[in-house]
C-alpha cells in the first residue's frame, strides 16, 4: 500500500496519516484542537506534538474553547509546570488568547467552522501533487486566513501554520496522488 513519504517517522504518524490527516473536519472542538496544536508545532516536528496530544487534551479541557478561554493566569502557570506538554509560555498563553478569539468568531458566524471554511469556498481543495516536494509551505489562501485571524486577535497563526492547519482539517487534500488515502479523502464529504 503506497502512502505519503512522511508516514515512516513512527507508528503514531502512520496512524495519523491513515485515519485523520486531510479528512474534512467541521466540529468546532476538532478545529480548535488543530488550531492549538498547530500553534504548538511552530518550530517543532508534528511527531513531537502528536506524542503529547493526550497530555494536551487533558491540560486543555479536551479542547473545549469555552473552558480554555476562562483559564486564569494561575492556570497558565500550572500548565507551565506540566511535563506532558511543551512548556512554552507564549504557546500556552496563545491557546487562551485564541480560545477567546475563537468564541468571538463563533458568536459572529454561528460556528468557527462556518467562518473558517469560507477560505476555501466551503469545499476541500483537491490537490493533485505527485510528490511531497510539490507541496507548498503556504498558499494565497493560507496567507489570507493568517491576515484575517490575526486581525481578529489570534496568535501563532502565520501563513505556514495556517496551511498546516488547512492540511490537518481537510481544507486541502495534500495526500500525493499515489497515496491510497488521496482517493479516500477526495471522496469524503464535508461534515462526515
Foldseek 3Di string as FASTA:
>chain_A
DDFAPVQVPDPLSVVCRVPFFQAADQDLQVLLLLLLLLLLCVVHDNVVSSQLSVVCCVLQVNSPLVVLLPQDPVSLVVVLVDPSGDNDSVSSVLSNQLSVLQVVVCVVQVHVSSVLLVLLPVAAAQDAAQHPVPDDLFDPSLQVVLVVSVVSRHPSRHRSSSVSSCRRNNSYQPIHPVRPVSVVSVPRGHPD
